[in-house]
């Protein structure tokens, strides 16, 4: 079996006396998508930030291709450990409104001295093509684009450094349903083309089911279920995962009522 790209071993994080992550074990293989799902406050974003090096790790180990990166900020990571990028929830606030798209895409490449400014600018057209944006987008500003288009810019910025892993923190939750579907399909297409792996953080099981190979379910800082996507989303074993699945809305009102009754029944048993 292929060695994990990311391996979290008994990761704990405290914020004062609050135990945010509790012995979290998680693996991500090269080229796969691991969906991380749970309610608000469950710890999903905290583990994502820990992997990115922008959140604390109190104890435990996070390995990237065998190298311990727990608690090491991105600028101090060496070699491929720097090749972990992020796409955040709000595509507008994550982009500098005073910079053109070309400057947004070239800045990380030049800052890391991976290419000269001229060479980085030459790569912008390729990046825009990859995320299905027109060439003239390079000279425009984030405010000139829709939410879905801005998220495509954010994805292109992450791709600029040729990452091996992208942490996607609720990247489609701010988008309408039709735009969500198109952006999710783009993530899948880019993975097939580049081999990048994703940690896909979401509160929405339907979104996670669409894109993930394996799914981890978090509750109160713990991973309560982790397995193949079809198994976890269709035949969950943990009562919390079952409640998440039953809480997801469906279009059929009869099925929705049945699911509501089953959800309430589970709540009484818990």
Foldseek 3Di string as FASTA:
>chain_A
DADFQKWWAQWWDDDDPATQAGGATDTFHFLFEEEEAEDPSLNLVQVVCQLQLNHATPDTFMDGVRHTCGNPHLVPDDDQSVQEAEQEAFLPVVFDQVDQLLCLQQVVCVVVPVDPSVVSSVCVCVLCVLLVHDPVSRGHGPVVDDRLVSSSSSVSSSCSVLHQEYEYANHPVVDDDVSLVVVLVSVQVVSVVRRHYYHHYDNQLVSCLVRGQKYFYGGSNYGPDIDGSCCQQPPNDDLSSLLSNLPHDDDDPVSVVVSVVVNVVSVVVD
